[in-house]
Amino acid sequence: MDTDFELIKKIKEGDRSVFRYLVERHKDVSLSLACSIVKDSGKAEDVLQEAFIKVFKKLDSFQFNAAFTTWLYRIVINTSYNAIKKDKNRYPFSQEAEEKLQNTADIPIDKLKAKDQKKYINLALEKLRPDEALVLRLFYLCELKISEITESTGFSISKIKVDLSRGRKNINFQLRKLLGTEIDNLL
């Protein structure tokens, strides 16, 4: 399969149908980043659609100076924060997430399948501040270096380091609330 740069070159040369390959390749991580910020999966899907429309419209301005993902994540992040600003009556996290938290303590972690572990991690991430959840996802899920996170978010290096530190502590706290002592088997 072509690299991101090769796909972008094809799109710039007029083969706009190739854009769907870029979307398919990057939609899952982008959706995860949007969820980190807006804390609602339905809203995150709307944000992602809006972000990919912006990417498509602005693709001619992409200069190949940085990784495509850095540029894409910046657009997803900015679109997500703009969505939060538009929705002033938003709760800190979705009601759906709060309902899922009921009756989840003390579930044996060894009984959880990988998808269930992922579910609990995502539930814990929903309880974190948006900046902390975002930085954790970029660092661990996207495996970006701190300098790349700076490019994607516009955050200072010191803010990223503080958010990583606080985020690690807070996710540990949230997972302990969800899983009780069984969290030790996950960590």
Protein backbone atom coordinates (compact mmCIF):
# COMPACT_ATOMS: atom_id res chain seq x y z
CA MET A 1 0.00 0.00 0.00
CA ASP A 2 1.14 3.52 -0.74
CA THR A 3 2.56 5.80 1.95
CA ASP A 4 0.62 8.84 3.10
CA PHE A 5 2.86 11.09 1.01
CA GLU A 6 2.31 8.98 -2.12
CA LEU A 7 -1.45 9.08 -1.60
CA ILE A 8 -1.39 12.84 -1.09
CA LYS A 9 0.63 13.31 -4.28
CA LYS A 10 -1.97 11.28 -6.19
CA ILE A 11 -4.77 13.38 -4.73
CA LYS A 12 -2.97 16.61 -5.63
CA GLU A 13 -2.49 15.26 -9.16
CA GLY A 14 -6.27 14.89 -9.47
CA ASP A 15 -7.10 11.37 -8.25
CA ARG A 16 -9.40 12.47 -5.43
CA SER A 17 -10.83 8.96 -5.01
CA VAL A 18 -7.61 8.00 -3.20
CA PHE A 19 -8.64 10.20 -0.27
CA ARG A 20 -10.78 7.37 1.11
CA TYR A 21 -7.57 5.37 1.73
CA LEU A 22 -6.21 8.18 3.90
CA VAL A 23 -9.48 8.32 5.81
CA GLU A 24 -9.58 4.55 6.30
CA ARG A 25 -5.96 4.46 7.47
CA HIS A 26 -6.31 7.24 10.05
CA LYS A 27 -9.95 7.24 11.15
CA ASP A 28 -9.62 5.03 14.23
CA VAL A 29 -6.82 6.97 15.90
CA SER A 30 -8.40 10.27 14.87
CA LEU A 31 -11.72 9.21 16.37
CA SER A 32 -9.95 8.23 19.57
CA LEU A 33 -8.32 11.66 19.76
CA ALA A 34 -11.65 13.40 19.18
CA CYS A 35 -13.26 11.25 21.90
CA SER A 36 -10.50 12.29 24.30
CA ILE A 37 -11.57 15.88 23.92
CA VAL A 38 -15.34 15.90 23.36
CA LYS A 39 -16.04 12.92 25.68
CA ASP A 40 -18.99 11.68 23.59
CA SER A 41 -18.66 9.10 20.83
CA GLY A 42 -21.53 10.48 18.73
CA LYS A 43 -20.19 14.01 18.94
CA ALA A 44 -16.67 12.70 18.20
CA GLU A 45 -17.92 11.06 15.01
CA ASP A 46 -19.44 14.37 13.91
CA VAL A 47 -16.19 16.16 14.75
CA LEU A 48 -14.21 13.59 12.80
CA GLN A 49 -16.39 13.98 9.73
CA GLU A 50 -15.95 17.76 9.91
CA ALA A 51 -12.19 17.36 10.38
CA PHE A 52 -11.81 15.08 7.35
CA ILE A 53 -13.81 17.55 5.24
CA LYS A 54 -11.35 20.26 6.31
CA VAL A 55 -8.41 17.98 5.50
CA PHE A 56 -9.82 17.29 2.04
CA LYS A 57 -10.37 20.98 1.34
CA LYS A 58 -6.94 22.01 2.66
CA LEU A 59 -4.90 19.11 1.27
CA ASP A 60 -3.49 21.34 -1.47
CA SER A 61 -1.81 23.42 1.24
CA PHE A 62 -0.05 20.41 2.79
CA GLN A 63 3.69 21.02 2.30
CA PHE A 64 5.29 17.62 3.14
CA ASN A 65 7.47 19.35 5.79
CA ALA A 66 6.14 17.14 8.59
CA ALA A 67 4.37 13.83 8.86
CA PHE A 68 0.84 13.85 7.50
CA THR A 69 -0.40 12.52 10.85
CA THR A 70 0.98 15.54 12.70
CA TRP A 71 -0.94 17.83 10.33
CA LEU A 72 -4.08 15.67 10.49
CA TYR A 73 -4.05 15.38 14.28
CA ARG A 74 -3.72 19.15 14.57
CA ILE A 75 -6.89 19.58 12.49
CA VAL A 76 -8.76 16.90 14.48
CA ILE A 77 -7.69 18.45 17.78
CA ASN A 78 -8.62 22.00 16.75
CA THR A 79 -11.98 20.85 15.37
CA SER A 80 -12.66 18.97 18.63
CA TYR A 81 -11.90 21.99 20.82
CA ASN A 82 -14.05 24.18 18.57
CA ALA A 83 -16.93 21.71 19.01
CA ILE A 84 -16.61 22.00 22.79
CA LYS A 85 -16.72 25.79 22.56
CA LYS A 86 -19.91 25.58 20.47
CA ASP A 87 -21.60 23.32 23.01
CA LYS A 88 -21.73 25.41 26.16
CA ASN A 89 -24.22 23.21 28.00
CA ARG A 90 -21.94 20.18 27.89
CA TYR A 91 -21.43 17.94 30.89
CA PRO A 92 -17.84 17.03 31.87
CA PHE A 93 -18.43 13.53 30.47
CA SER A 94 -21.35 11.78 28.85
CA GLN A 95 -24.31 10.39 30.76
CA GLU A 96 -23.77 7.15 28.83
CA ALA A 97 -20.28 6.84 30.31
CA GLU A 98 -21.60 7.47 33.82
CA GLU A 99 -24.17 4.68 33.43
CA LYS A 100 -21.48 2.26 32.26
CA LEU A 101 -19.52 2.97 35.42
CA GLN A 102 -22.28 1.56 37.62
CA ASN A 103 -21.54 -1.85 39.16
CA THR A 104 -18.09 -2.31 37.61
CA ALA A 105 -15.85 -2.41 40.71
CA ASP A 106 -14.05 -5.59 41.72
CA ILE A 107 -14.32 -7.40 38.38
CA PRO A 108 -11.40 -9.85 38.13
CA ILE A 109 -9.06 -8.47 35.46
CA ASP A 110 -8.02 -11.94 34.34
CA LYS A 111 -11.65 -12.54 33.38
CA LEU A 112 -11.62 -9.52 31.11
CA LYS A 113 -10.90 -9.97 27.46
CA ALA A 114 -8.61 -7.49 25.70
CA LYS A 115 -11.63 -5.58 24.37
CA ASP A 116 -13.01 -5.29 27.89
CA GLN A 117 -9.68 -3.99 29.16
CA LYS A 118 -9.78 -1.44 26.36
CA LYS A 119 -13.34 -0.51 27.37
CA TYR A 120 -12.29 0.20 30.96
CA ILE A 121 -9.29 2.22 29.85
CA ASN A 122 -11.54 4.28 27.56
CA LEU A 123 -14.05 4.78 30.39
CA ALA A 124 -11.23 5.99 32.62
CA LEU A 125 -9.95 8.29 29.89
CA GLU A 126 -13.43 9.85 29.64
CA LYS A 127 -13.11 10.93 33.28
CA LEU A 128 -9.83 12.78 32.66
CA ARG A 129 -9.48 16.39 31.65
CA PRO A 130 -9.49 16.65 27.84
CA ASP A 131 -5.86 17.82 27.65
CA GLU A 132 -4.64 14.94 29.82
CA ALA A 133 -6.58 12.31 27.87
CA LEU A 134 -5.41 13.77 24.57
CA VAL A 135 -1.74 13.83 25.54
CA LEU A 136 -1.91 10.27 26.90
CA ARG A 137 -3.47 9.02 23.66
CA LEU A 138 -0.96 10.86 21.48
CA PHE A 139 1.99 9.60 23.53
CA TYR A 140 0.91 5.98 24.05
CA LEU A 141 -1.58 5.18 21.29
CA CYS A 142 -0.04 7.23 18.49
CA GLU A 143 3.48 6.78 19.87
CA LEU A 144 4.36 10.40 19.16
CA LYS A 145 7.41 12.01 20.68
CA ILE A 146 6.91 15.05 22.88
CA SER A 147 8.17 17.33 20.09
CA GLU A 148 5.57 15.83 17.72
CA ILE A 149 2.83 16.30 20.30
CA THR A 150 3.88 19.95 20.51
CA GLU A 151 3.44 20.26 16.74
CA SER A 152 0.07 18.51 16.79
CA THR A 153 -1.44 20.34 19.75
CA GLY A 154 0.38 23.65 20.02
CA PHE A 155 1.00 22.86 23.71
CA SER A 156 4.35 23.75 25.25
CA ILE A 157 6.79 20.97 26.14
CA SER A 158 6.35 21.71 29.85
CA LYS A 159 2.53 21.52 29.57
CA ILE A 160 2.81 18.17 27.77
CA LYS A 161 5.10 16.77 30.46
CA VAL A 162 2.79 18.00 33.22
CA ASP A 163 -0.30 16.60 31.45
CA LEU A 164 1.46 13.25 30.94
CA SER A 165 2.39 13.07 34.60
CA ARG A 166 -1.04 14.12 35.87
CA GLY A 167 -2.76 11.98 33.26
CA ARG A 168 -0.87 8.85 34.36
CA LYS A 169 -1.82 9.47 37.99
CA ASN A 170 -5.43 10.31 37.17
CA ILE A 171 -6.00 7.34 34.88
CA ASN A 172 -4.55 5.07 37.54
CA PHE A 173 -6.97 6.60 40.06
CA GLN A 174 -9.95 6.23 37.70
CA LEU A 175 -9.06 2.62 36.87
CA ARG A 176 -8.80 1.84 40.58
CA LYS A 177 -12.29 3.29 41.05
CA LEU A 178 -13.59 1.12 38.22
CA LEU A 179 -11.80 -2.13 38.97
CA GLY A 180 -10.85 -1.95 42.63
CA THR A 181 -7.82 -4.00 43.60
CA GLU A 182 -7.95 -5.92 40.32
CA ILE A 183 -6.24 -2.94 38.67
CA ASP A 184 -2.89 -4.28 39.91
CA ASN A 185 -3.25 -7.16 37.44
CA LEU A 186 -3.77 -4.70 34.58
CA LEU A 187 -0.80 -2.44 35.38
